[in-house]
C-alpha atoms as a PDB file:
ATOM      1  CA  MET A   1      58.540  45.637  45.347  1.00  0.00           C
ATOM      2  CA  ARG A   2      55.054  46.976  45.751  1.00  0.00           C
ATOM      3  CA  ILE A   3      53.578  49.855  47.756  1.00  0.00           C
ATOM      4  CA  GLU A   4      50.205  49.586  49.445  1.00  0.00           C
ATOM      5  CA  VAL A   5      48.420  52.842  50.207  1.00  0.00           C
ATOM      6  CA  VAL A   6      46.018  52.613  53.131  1.00  0.00           C
ATOM      7  CA  ARG A   7      44.046  55.726  52.271  1.00  0.00           C
ATOM      8  CA  GLU A   8      41.841  55.651  55.364  1.00  0.00           C
ATOM      9  CA  ARG A   9      44.966  55.941  57.545  1.00  0.00           C
ATOM     10  CA  CYS A  10      46.387  58.924  55.639  1.00  0.00           C
ATOM     11  CA  GLU A  11      46.231  62.149  57.640  1.00  0.00           C
ATOM     12  CA  GLY A  12      47.615  64.355  54.867  1.00  0.00           C
ATOM     13  CA  HIS A  13      50.912  65.295  56.494  1.00  0.00           C
ATOM     14  CA  GLY A  14      52.654  65.103  53.119  1.00  0.00           C
ATOM     15  CA  LEU A  15      55.972  63.963  54.567  1.00  0.00           C
ATOM     16  CA  CYS A  16      56.148  61.071  52.112  1.00  0.00           C
ATOM     17  CA  GLY A  17      55.952  63.497  49.193  1.00  0.00           C
ATOM     18  CA  GLU A  18      58.518  65.823  50.735  1.00  0.00           C
ATOM     19  CA  ARG A  19      60.944  62.931  51.210  1.00  0.00           C
ATOM     20  CA  SER A  20      60.232  61.204  47.875  1.00  0.00           C
ATOM     21  CA  PRO A  21      58.378  63.558  45.499  1.00  0.00           C
ATOM     22  CA  ALA A  22      58.886  61.336  42.449  1.00  0.00           C
ATOM     23  CA  ILE A  23      57.021  58.533  44.228  1.00  0.00           C
ATOM     24  CA  TYR A  24      54.351  60.172  46.426  1.00  0.00           C
ATOM     25  CA  GLY A  25      52.148  63.228  46.378  1.00  0.00           C
ATOM     26  CA  LEU A  26      48.832  64.477  47.719  1.00  0.00           C
ATOM     27  CA  ASP A  27      45.589  64.595  45.773  1.00  0.00           C
ATOM     28  CA  ASP A  28      43.107  67.482  45.714  1.00  0.00           C
ATOM     29  CA  GLU A  29      41.576  66.249  48.968  1.00  0.00           C
ATOM     30  CA  GLY A  30      44.954  66.116  50.713  1.00  0.00           C
ATOM     31  CA  PHE A  31      45.401  62.344  50.719  1.00  0.00           C
ATOM     32  CA  VAL A  32      48.446  60.405  49.587  1.00  0.00           C
ATOM     33  CA  VAL A  33      48.712  59.307  45.980  1.00  0.00           C
ATOM     34  CA  PHE A  34      51.255  56.935  44.530  1.00  0.00           C
ATOM     35  CA  ARG A  35      52.676  58.246  41.268  1.00  0.00           C
ATOM     36  CA  TYR A  36      52.957  54.832  39.587  1.00  0.00           C
ATOM     37  CA  GLU A  37      49.590  53.535  38.389  1.00  0.00           C
ATOM     38  CA  ASP A  38      50.144  49.859  39.159  1.00  0.00           C
ATOM     39  CA  ARG A  39      51.880  50.387  42.541  1.00  0.00           C
ATOM     40  CA  ASP A  40      54.845  48.296  41.425  1.00  0.00           C
ATOM     41  CA  VAL A  41      58.034  50.202  42.116  1.00  0.00           C
ATOM     42  CA  PRO A  42      60.808  50.111  39.504  1.00  0.00           C
ATOM     43  CA  ALA A  43      64.093  48.839  40.945  1.00  0.00           C
ATOM     44  CA  ASN A  44      65.802  52.215  40.559  1.00  0.00           C
ATOM     45  CA  ASP A  45      63.136  53.898  42.766  1.00  0.00           C
ATOM     46  CA  GLU A  46      62.941  51.337  45.572  1.00  0.00           C
ATOM     47  CA  ASP A  47      65.107  53.271  48.040  1.00  0.00           C
ATOM     48  CA  ALA A  48      63.030  56.432  47.582  1.00  0.00           C
ATOM     49  CA  ALA A  49      59.773  54.500  47.946  1.00  0.00           C
ATOM     50  CA  VAL A  50      60.921  52.909  51.201  1.00  0.00           C
ATOM     51  CA  ALA A  51      62.179  56.242  52.581  1.00  0.00           C
ATOM     52  CA  GLY A  52      58.845  57.931  51.864  1.00  0.00           C
ATOM     53  CA  ALA A  53      56.870  55.081  53.402  1.00  0.00           C
ATOM     54  CA  ARG A  54      58.971  54.991  56.554  1.00  0.00           C
ATOM     55  CA  ILE A  55      58.537  58.688  57.286  1.00  0.00           C
ATOM     56  CA  CYS A  56      54.728  58.492  57.321  1.00  0.00           C
ATOM     57  CA  PRO A  57      53.590  59.188  60.910  1.00  0.00           C
ATOM     58  CA  ALA A  58      50.212  57.536  60.272  1.00  0.00           C
ATOM     59  CA  ALA A  59      51.655  54.353  58.724  1.00  0.00           C
ATOM     60  CA  ALA A  60      49.470  54.837  55.652  1.00  0.00           C
ATOM     61  CA  LEU A  61      52.074  53.295  53.349  1.00  0.00           C
ATOM     62  CA  ARG A  62      53.217  49.690  53.369  1.00  0.00           C
ATOM     63  CA  VAL A  63      56.154  48.286  51.470  1.00  0.00           C
ATOM     64  CA  ARG A  64      55.811  44.734  50.204  1.00  0.00           C
ATOM     65  CA  ALA A  65      58.917  43.058  48.908  1.00  0.00           C
ATOM     66  CA  ASP A  66      57.057  39.973  47.692  1.00  0.00           C
ATOM     67  CA  ALA A  67      55.568  41.580  44.573  1.00  0.00           C
END
């Protein structure tokens, strides 16, 4: 599984980080950051990654199962 961050869609609500703080956070400018460098999600964190992506009101996070 892989997460795509569409930074230009991020509005800085921070809901993803509230729901899944081990996966998502906000940078100094208030935009979403993914805590794994390569954007590949370890199997044990997939549920949290999906939950954080789904709560985003701006749809700035996309989950790709094909990675």
